[in-house]
N, C-alpha and C. Protein backbone atom coordinates (compact mmCIF):
# COMPACT_ATOMS: atom_id res chain seq x y z
N UNK A 1 -116.79 -12.18 -67.75
CA UNK A 1 -118.22 -12.43 -67.76
C UNK A 1 -118.48 -13.89 -68.11
N UNK A 2 -119.36 -14.54 -67.39
CA UNK A 2 -119.70 -15.92 -67.68
C UNK A 2 -120.41 -16.03 -69.02
N UNK A 3 -120.09 -17.05 -69.77
CA UNK A 3 -120.74 -17.30 -71.05
C UNK A 3 -122.25 -17.44 -70.87
N UNK A 4 -122.67 -18.08 -69.79
CA UNK A 4 -124.09 -18.25 -69.55
C UNK A 4 -124.79 -16.90 -69.39
N UNK A 5 -124.12 -15.92 -68.80
CA UNK A 5 -124.68 -14.56 -68.69
C UNK A 5 -124.82 -13.92 -70.06
N UNK A 6 -123.84 -14.15 -70.92
CA UNK A 6 -123.89 -13.61 -72.27
C UNK A 6 -125.04 -14.23 -73.05
N UNK A 7 -125.23 -15.54 -72.91
CA UNK A 7 -126.33 -16.22 -73.60
C UNK A 7 -127.67 -15.65 -73.14
N UNK A 8 -127.83 -15.50 -71.85
CA UNK A 8 -129.07 -14.93 -71.33
C UNK A 8 -129.29 -13.54 -71.89
N UNK A 9 -128.24 -12.74 -71.96
CA UNK A 9 -128.35 -11.37 -72.43
C UNK A 9 -128.80 -11.23 -73.88
N UNK A 10 -128.46 -12.19 -74.72
CA UNK A 10 -128.84 -12.08 -76.14
C UNK A 10 -130.05 -12.92 -76.50
N UNK A 11 -130.50 -13.76 -75.58
CA UNK A 11 -131.64 -14.63 -75.88
C UNK A 11 -132.94 -13.83 -75.79
N UNK A 12 -133.84 -13.97 -76.77
CA UNK A 12 -135.06 -13.16 -76.78
C UNK A 12 -136.01 -13.43 -75.61
N UNK A 13 -135.98 -14.60 -75.02
CA UNK A 13 -136.85 -14.90 -73.88
C UNK A 13 -136.08 -14.77 -72.57
N UNK A 14 -134.94 -15.43 -72.47
CA UNK A 14 -134.16 -15.41 -71.23
C UNK A 14 -133.73 -14.00 -70.85
N UNK A 15 -133.46 -13.17 -71.86
CA UNK A 15 -133.01 -11.81 -71.61
C UNK A 15 -134.04 -10.92 -70.95
N UNK A 16 -135.30 -11.35 -70.93
CA UNK A 16 -136.37 -10.56 -70.29
C UNK A 16 -136.54 -10.89 -68.81
N UNK A 17 -135.76 -11.84 -68.32
CA UNK A 17 -135.90 -12.26 -66.92
C UNK A 17 -135.64 -11.09 -65.97
N UNK A 18 -136.46 -11.04 -64.93
CA UNK A 18 -136.33 -10.02 -63.90
C UNK A 18 -135.71 -10.58 -62.62
N UNK A 19 -135.83 -11.89 -62.44
CA UNK A 19 -135.33 -12.55 -61.23
C UNK A 19 -134.67 -13.87 -61.62
N UNK A 20 -133.73 -14.33 -60.81
CA UNK A 20 -133.08 -15.61 -61.00
C UNK A 20 -133.50 -16.55 -59.87
N UNK A 21 -133.90 -17.77 -60.24
CA UNK A 21 -134.22 -18.82 -59.27
C UNK A 21 -133.16 -19.91 -59.36
N UNK A 22 -132.94 -20.58 -58.26
CA UNK A 22 -132.02 -21.72 -58.26
C UNK A 22 -132.81 -23.03 -58.15
N UNK A 23 -132.10 -24.12 -58.32
CA UNK A 23 -132.64 -25.46 -58.09
C UNK A 23 -131.87 -26.03 -56.90
N UNK A 24 -132.52 -26.16 -55.74
CA UNK A 24 -131.80 -26.66 -54.57
C UNK A 24 -131.25 -28.06 -54.81
N UNK A 25 -130.11 -28.33 -54.23
CA UNK A 25 -129.53 -29.67 -54.31
C UNK A 25 -130.31 -30.65 -53.45
N UNK A 26 -129.93 -31.90 -53.49
CA UNK A 26 -130.65 -32.93 -52.75
C UNK A 26 -130.43 -32.86 -51.24
N UNK A 27 -129.40 -32.15 -50.80
CA UNK A 27 -129.08 -32.01 -49.38
C UNK A 27 -129.05 -30.52 -49.04
N UNK A 28 -130.06 -30.04 -48.33
CA UNK A 28 -130.17 -28.61 -48.06
C UNK A 28 -129.16 -28.12 -47.03
N UNK A 29 -128.44 -29.03 -46.39
CA UNK A 29 -127.38 -28.62 -45.47
C UNK A 29 -126.20 -28.01 -46.22
N UNK A 30 -126.12 -28.27 -47.50
CA UNK A 30 -125.03 -27.77 -48.33
C UNK A 30 -125.59 -26.92 -49.46
N UNK A 31 -124.88 -25.85 -49.79
CA UNK A 31 -125.28 -25.04 -50.93
C UNK A 31 -124.71 -25.73 -52.17
N UNK A 32 -125.59 -26.15 -53.05
CA UNK A 32 -125.16 -26.90 -54.23
C UNK A 32 -124.41 -25.99 -55.21
N UNK A 33 -123.65 -26.62 -56.08
CA UNK A 33 -122.96 -25.86 -57.11
C UNK A 33 -123.97 -25.14 -58.00
N UNK A 34 -125.11 -25.79 -58.28
CA UNK A 34 -126.14 -25.15 -59.08
C UNK A 34 -126.66 -23.87 -58.44
N UNK A 35 -126.85 -23.88 -57.13
CA UNK A 35 -127.30 -22.67 -56.43
C UNK A 35 -126.23 -21.59 -56.46
N UNK A 36 -124.97 -22.00 -56.33
CA UNK A 36 -123.88 -21.01 -56.41
C UNK A 36 -123.79 -20.42 -57.82
N UNK A 37 -124.00 -21.26 -58.85
CA UNK A 37 -124.00 -20.76 -60.22
C UNK A 37 -125.14 -19.77 -60.43
N UNK A 38 -126.32 -20.10 -59.92
CA UNK A 38 -127.46 -19.19 -60.05
C UNK A 38 -127.17 -17.84 -59.41
N UNK A 39 -126.54 -17.85 -58.23
CA UNK A 39 -126.19 -16.60 -57.56
C UNK A 39 -125.18 -15.80 -58.37
N UNK A 40 -124.23 -16.49 -58.97
CA UNK A 40 -123.22 -15.82 -59.80
C UNK A 40 -123.86 -15.22 -61.04
N UNK A 41 -124.78 -15.93 -61.65
CA UNK A 41 -125.49 -15.41 -62.82
C UNK A 41 -126.33 -14.19 -62.43
N UNK A 42 -126.98 -14.25 -61.28
CA UNK A 42 -127.78 -13.10 -60.83
C UNK A 42 -126.91 -11.86 -60.71
N UNK A 43 -125.75 -12.00 -60.09
CA UNK A 43 -124.83 -10.87 -59.96
C UNK A 43 -124.37 -10.40 -61.35
N UNK A 44 -124.00 -11.36 -62.19
CA UNK A 44 -123.50 -11.02 -63.52
C UNK A 44 -124.53 -10.32 -64.39
N UNK A 45 -125.79 -10.63 -64.19
CA UNK A 45 -126.87 -10.01 -64.98
C UNK A 45 -127.48 -8.81 -64.24
N UNK A 46 -127.06 -8.56 -63.02
CA UNK A 46 -127.61 -7.45 -62.26
C UNK A 46 -129.05 -7.69 -61.84
N UNK A 47 -129.38 -8.94 -61.56
CA UNK A 47 -130.74 -9.32 -61.17
C UNK A 47 -130.76 -9.82 -59.73
N UNK A 48 -131.92 -9.76 -59.13
CA UNK A 48 -132.08 -10.30 -57.78
C UNK A 48 -132.14 -11.82 -57.86
N UNK A 49 -131.54 -12.45 -56.88
CA UNK A 49 -131.57 -13.90 -56.75
C UNK A 49 -132.66 -14.26 -55.75
N UNK A 50 -133.53 -15.19 -56.11
CA UNK A 50 -134.57 -15.66 -55.22
C UNK A 50 -134.30 -17.14 -54.95
N UNK A 51 -134.09 -17.47 -53.71
CA UNK A 51 -133.78 -18.85 -53.35
C UNK A 51 -135.05 -19.71 -53.31
N UNK A 52 -134.99 -20.81 -53.98
CA UNK A 52 -136.05 -21.80 -53.93
C UNK A 52 -135.83 -22.65 -52.68
N UNK A 53 -136.87 -22.88 -51.93
CA UNK A 53 -136.75 -23.71 -50.73
C UNK A 53 -137.23 -25.12 -51.02
N UNK A 54 -136.60 -26.07 -50.38
CA UNK A 54 -137.03 -27.46 -50.46
C UNK A 54 -137.81 -27.81 -49.20
N UNK A 55 -138.87 -28.55 -49.35
CA UNK A 55 -139.67 -28.95 -48.19
C UNK A 55 -138.92 -29.95 -47.32
N UNK A 56 -138.11 -30.79 -47.95
CA UNK A 56 -137.36 -31.81 -47.22
C UNK A 56 -135.89 -31.41 -47.12
N UNK A 57 -135.28 -31.65 -45.98
CA UNK A 57 -133.86 -31.33 -45.81
C UNK A 57 -132.99 -32.21 -46.68
N UNK A 58 -133.45 -33.42 -46.95
CA UNK A 58 -132.68 -34.34 -47.78
C UNK A 58 -133.65 -35.15 -48.63
N UNK A 59 -133.28 -35.38 -49.87
CA UNK A 59 -134.04 -36.27 -50.75
C UNK A 59 -133.04 -37.06 -51.58
N UNK A 60 -133.42 -38.20 -52.07
CA UNK A 60 -132.49 -38.98 -52.90
C UNK A 60 -132.09 -38.18 -54.14
N UNK A 61 -130.86 -38.38 -54.58
CA UNK A 61 -130.41 -37.71 -55.80
C UNK A 61 -131.25 -38.20 -56.98
N UNK A 62 -131.76 -37.28 -57.77
CA UNK A 62 -132.63 -37.61 -58.89
C UNK A 62 -131.96 -38.55 -59.88
N UNK A 63 -130.67 -38.38 -60.09
CA UNK A 63 -129.98 -39.20 -61.08
C UNK A 63 -129.94 -40.67 -60.68
N UNK A 64 -130.19 -40.97 -59.40
CA UNK A 64 -130.18 -42.35 -58.94
C UNK A 64 -131.57 -42.98 -58.91
N UNK A 65 -132.57 -42.26 -59.39
CA UNK A 65 -133.95 -42.75 -59.35
C UNK A 65 -134.48 -42.97 -60.77
N UNK A 66 -135.44 -43.88 -60.87
CA UNK A 66 -136.12 -44.03 -62.16
C UNK A 66 -137.17 -42.92 -62.27
N UNK A 67 -137.83 -42.86 -63.41
CA UNK A 67 -138.80 -41.78 -63.67
C UNK A 67 -139.87 -41.68 -62.58
N UNK A 68 -140.43 -42.81 -62.19
CA UNK A 68 -141.48 -42.80 -61.16
C UNK A 68 -140.91 -42.36 -59.81
N UNK A 69 -139.71 -42.80 -59.49
CA UNK A 69 -139.08 -42.40 -58.24
C UNK A 69 -138.79 -40.91 -58.20
N UNK A 70 -138.34 -40.36 -59.34
CA UNK A 70 -138.10 -38.91 -59.41
C UNK A 70 -139.39 -38.15 -59.21
N UNK A 71 -140.46 -38.63 -59.84
CA UNK A 71 -141.75 -37.96 -59.70
C UNK A 71 -142.19 -37.95 -58.24
N UNK A 72 -142.04 -39.08 -57.55
CA UNK A 72 -142.42 -39.15 -56.13
C UNK A 72 -141.55 -38.21 -55.29
N UNK A 73 -140.26 -38.18 -55.58
CA UNK A 73 -139.33 -37.38 -54.77
C UNK A 73 -139.49 -35.88 -55.02
N UNK A 74 -139.93 -35.50 -56.21
CA UNK A 74 -139.96 -34.08 -56.57
C UNK A 74 -141.34 -33.43 -56.54
N UNK A 75 -142.39 -34.20 -56.58
CA UNK A 75 -143.74 -33.63 -56.59
C UNK A 75 -143.98 -32.83 -55.31
N UNK A 76 -144.28 -31.56 -55.46
CA UNK A 76 -144.55 -30.69 -54.33
C UNK A 76 -143.35 -30.40 -53.45
N UNK A 77 -142.15 -30.73 -53.90
CA UNK A 77 -140.94 -30.61 -53.09
C UNK A 77 -140.47 -29.17 -52.90
N UNK A 78 -140.73 -28.29 -53.88
CA UNK A 78 -140.13 -26.97 -53.85
C UNK A 78 -141.14 -25.87 -53.56
N UNK A 79 -140.65 -24.83 -52.89
CA UNK A 79 -141.45 -23.65 -52.57
C UNK A 79 -140.70 -22.42 -53.10
N UNK A 80 -141.40 -21.61 -53.85
CA UNK A 80 -140.83 -20.38 -54.40
C UNK A 80 -141.53 -19.21 -53.72
N UNK A 81 -140.78 -18.24 -53.20
CA UNK A 81 -141.37 -17.09 -52.51
C UNK A 81 -142.33 -16.28 -53.40
N UNK A 82 -143.28 -15.64 -52.76
CA UNK A 82 -144.31 -14.87 -53.46
C UNK A 82 -143.74 -13.67 -54.22
N UNK A 83 -142.50 -13.28 -53.94
CA UNK A 83 -141.93 -12.12 -54.64
C UNK A 83 -141.81 -12.34 -56.15
N UNK A 84 -142.00 -13.58 -56.61
CA UNK A 84 -141.96 -13.84 -58.06
C UNK A 84 -143.28 -13.49 -58.73
N UNK A 85 -144.31 -13.23 -57.95
CA UNK A 85 -145.63 -12.98 -58.51
C UNK A 85 -145.61 -11.85 -59.54
N UNK A 86 -146.11 -12.17 -60.73
CA UNK A 86 -146.19 -11.19 -61.81
C UNK A 86 -144.86 -10.90 -62.48
N UNK A 87 -143.81 -11.61 -62.12
CA UNK A 87 -142.47 -11.34 -62.65
C UNK A 87 -142.03 -12.44 -63.63
N UNK A 88 -141.08 -12.10 -64.48
CA UNK A 88 -140.46 -13.06 -65.38
C UNK A 88 -139.21 -13.60 -64.70
N UNK A 89 -139.13 -14.92 -64.59
CA UNK A 89 -138.00 -15.54 -63.88
C UNK A 89 -137.25 -16.49 -64.79
N UNK A 90 -135.96 -16.64 -64.50
CA UNK A 90 -135.15 -17.65 -65.17
C UNK A 90 -134.58 -18.56 -64.08
N UNK A 91 -134.75 -19.84 -64.27
CA UNK A 91 -134.19 -20.84 -63.37
C UNK A 91 -132.81 -21.20 -63.91
N UNK A 92 -131.80 -21.14 -63.05
CA UNK A 92 -130.43 -21.45 -63.45
C UNK A 92 -129.96 -22.67 -62.66
N UNK A 93 -129.45 -23.66 -63.36
CA UNK A 93 -128.87 -24.83 -62.71
C UNK A 93 -127.56 -25.18 -63.40
N UNK A 94 -126.73 -25.94 -62.71
CA UNK A 94 -125.42 -26.27 -63.28
C UNK A 94 -125.52 -27.39 -64.31
N UNK A 95 -126.25 -28.45 -63.98
CA UNK A 95 -126.33 -29.63 -64.84
C UNK A 95 -127.78 -30.09 -64.91
N UNK A 96 -128.17 -30.53 -66.08
CA UNK A 96 -129.50 -31.10 -66.22
C UNK A 96 -129.34 -32.52 -66.75
N UNK A 97 -130.05 -33.43 -66.13
CA UNK A 97 -129.98 -34.82 -66.56
C UNK A 97 -131.31 -35.22 -67.19
N UNK A 98 -132.39 -35.13 -66.42
CA UNK A 98 -133.71 -35.48 -66.94
C UNK A 98 -134.59 -34.24 -67.15
N UNK A 99 -134.25 -33.16 -66.43
CA UNK A 99 -135.07 -31.96 -66.47
C UNK A 99 -136.16 -31.96 -65.41
N UNK A 100 -136.28 -33.04 -64.67
CA UNK A 100 -137.37 -33.15 -63.70
C UNK A 100 -137.23 -32.17 -62.53
N UNK A 101 -136.01 -31.95 -62.03
CA UNK A 101 -135.83 -31.01 -60.92
C UNK A 101 -136.16 -29.60 -61.36
N UNK A 102 -135.66 -29.19 -62.53
CA UNK A 102 -135.97 -27.86 -63.02
C UNK A 102 -137.46 -27.71 -63.30
N UNK A 103 -138.08 -28.75 -63.81
CA UNK A 103 -139.52 -28.71 -64.06
C UNK A 103 -140.30 -28.55 -62.76
N UNK A 104 -139.84 -29.21 -61.69
CA UNK A 104 -140.52 -29.09 -60.40
C UNK A 104 -140.38 -27.67 -59.85
N UNK A 105 -139.22 -27.05 -60.02
CA UNK A 105 -139.04 -25.66 -59.60
C UNK A 105 -139.91 -24.74 -60.45
N UNK A 106 -139.99 -25.01 -61.75
CA UNK A 106 -140.83 -24.20 -62.64
C UNK A 106 -142.29 -24.28 -62.21
N UNK A 107 -142.74 -25.47 -61.85
CA UNK A 107 -144.12 -25.63 -61.38
C UNK A 107 -144.35 -24.82 -60.11
N UNK A 108 -143.40 -24.86 -59.19
CA UNK A 108 -143.52 -24.08 -57.95
C UNK A 108 -143.54 -22.58 -58.24
N UNK A 109 -142.75 -22.14 -59.22
CA UNK A 109 -142.73 -20.72 -59.60
C UNK A 109 -144.07 -20.31 -60.19
N UNK A 110 -144.64 -21.17 -61.03
CA UNK A 110 -145.97 -20.86 -61.60
C UNK A 110 -147.02 -20.81 -60.50
N UNK A 111 -146.94 -21.74 -59.55
CA UNK A 111 -147.89 -21.75 -58.43
C UNK A 111 -147.74 -20.50 -57.57
N UNK A 112 -146.53 -19.93 -57.50
CA UNK A 112 -146.29 -18.70 -56.73
C UNK A 112 -146.68 -17.46 -57.52
N UNK A 113 -147.11 -17.64 -58.78
CA UNK A 113 -147.61 -16.52 -59.56
C UNK A 113 -146.65 -15.90 -60.54
N UNK A 114 -145.54 -16.54 -60.83
CA UNK A 114 -144.60 -15.98 -61.83
C UNK A 114 -145.33 -15.80 -63.16
N UNK A 115 -145.07 -14.68 -63.81
CA UNK A 115 -145.72 -14.38 -65.09
C UNK A 115 -145.15 -15.23 -66.22
N UNK A 116 -143.87 -15.49 -66.17
CA UNK A 116 -143.20 -16.30 -67.19
C UNK A 116 -142.03 -17.01 -66.52
N UNK A 117 -141.82 -18.27 -66.91
CA UNK A 117 -140.75 -19.07 -66.33
C UNK A 117 -139.95 -19.70 -67.46
N UNK A 118 -138.64 -19.50 -67.41
CA UNK A 118 -137.75 -20.16 -68.37
C UNK A 118 -136.57 -20.73 -67.59
N UNK A 119 -135.74 -21.49 -68.25
CA UNK A 119 -134.62 -22.10 -67.55
C UNK A 119 -133.41 -22.26 -68.45
N UNK A 120 -132.26 -22.35 -67.80
CA UNK A 120 -131.01 -22.57 -68.51
C UNK A 120 -130.07 -23.34 -67.58
N UNK A 121 -129.23 -24.18 -68.18
CA UNK A 121 -128.26 -24.90 -67.39
C UNK A 121 -126.89 -24.82 -68.07
N UNK A 122 -125.88 -25.08 -67.27
CA UNK A 122 -124.51 -25.00 -67.78
C UNK A 122 -124.15 -26.18 -68.65
N UNK A 123 -124.69 -27.37 -68.34
CA UNK A 123 -124.33 -28.57 -69.09
C UNK A 123 -125.47 -29.58 -69.02
N UNK A 124 -125.54 -30.40 -70.04
CA UNK A 124 -126.50 -31.51 -70.05
C UNK A 124 -125.69 -32.78 -70.02
N UNK A 125 -126.04 -33.68 -69.09
CA UNK A 125 -125.32 -34.94 -68.99
C UNK A 125 -125.97 -35.97 -69.91
N UNK A 126 -125.17 -36.95 -70.26
CA UNK A 126 -125.68 -38.04 -71.08
C UNK A 126 -126.28 -39.10 -70.17
N UNK A 127 -127.43 -39.60 -70.55
CA UNK A 127 -128.04 -40.66 -69.77
C UNK A 127 -127.31 -41.96 -70.03
N UNK A 128 -127.08 -42.71 -68.95
CA UNK A 128 -126.32 -43.94 -69.05
C UNK A 128 -127.13 -45.15 -69.29
């Protein structure tokens, strides 16, 4: 069992999740490691996986942009299916650097009607 699944299972908020969302990578032609991790967590927790869609097939990697550039690249970038409406969701990603990508997915989930949105990642990188 993945440690991240165990953490979700014992966490008072994350453990209430009904669906798992991913954070699409910067290139939609490839399934990112974060999306694969989210799918693995969904299976491990016995939850449905809901794929987040990106409006653009390619966007610059967030880690290579300054704060304003990330905001421009991520604002309105993600679409979350309506099946999240009224549900508690957990966003799963592999690495978080600034939190901006996960925040943009969370905003899209709220716009799609999710009742509660939380997130977890496998690792946090150090800013250089």
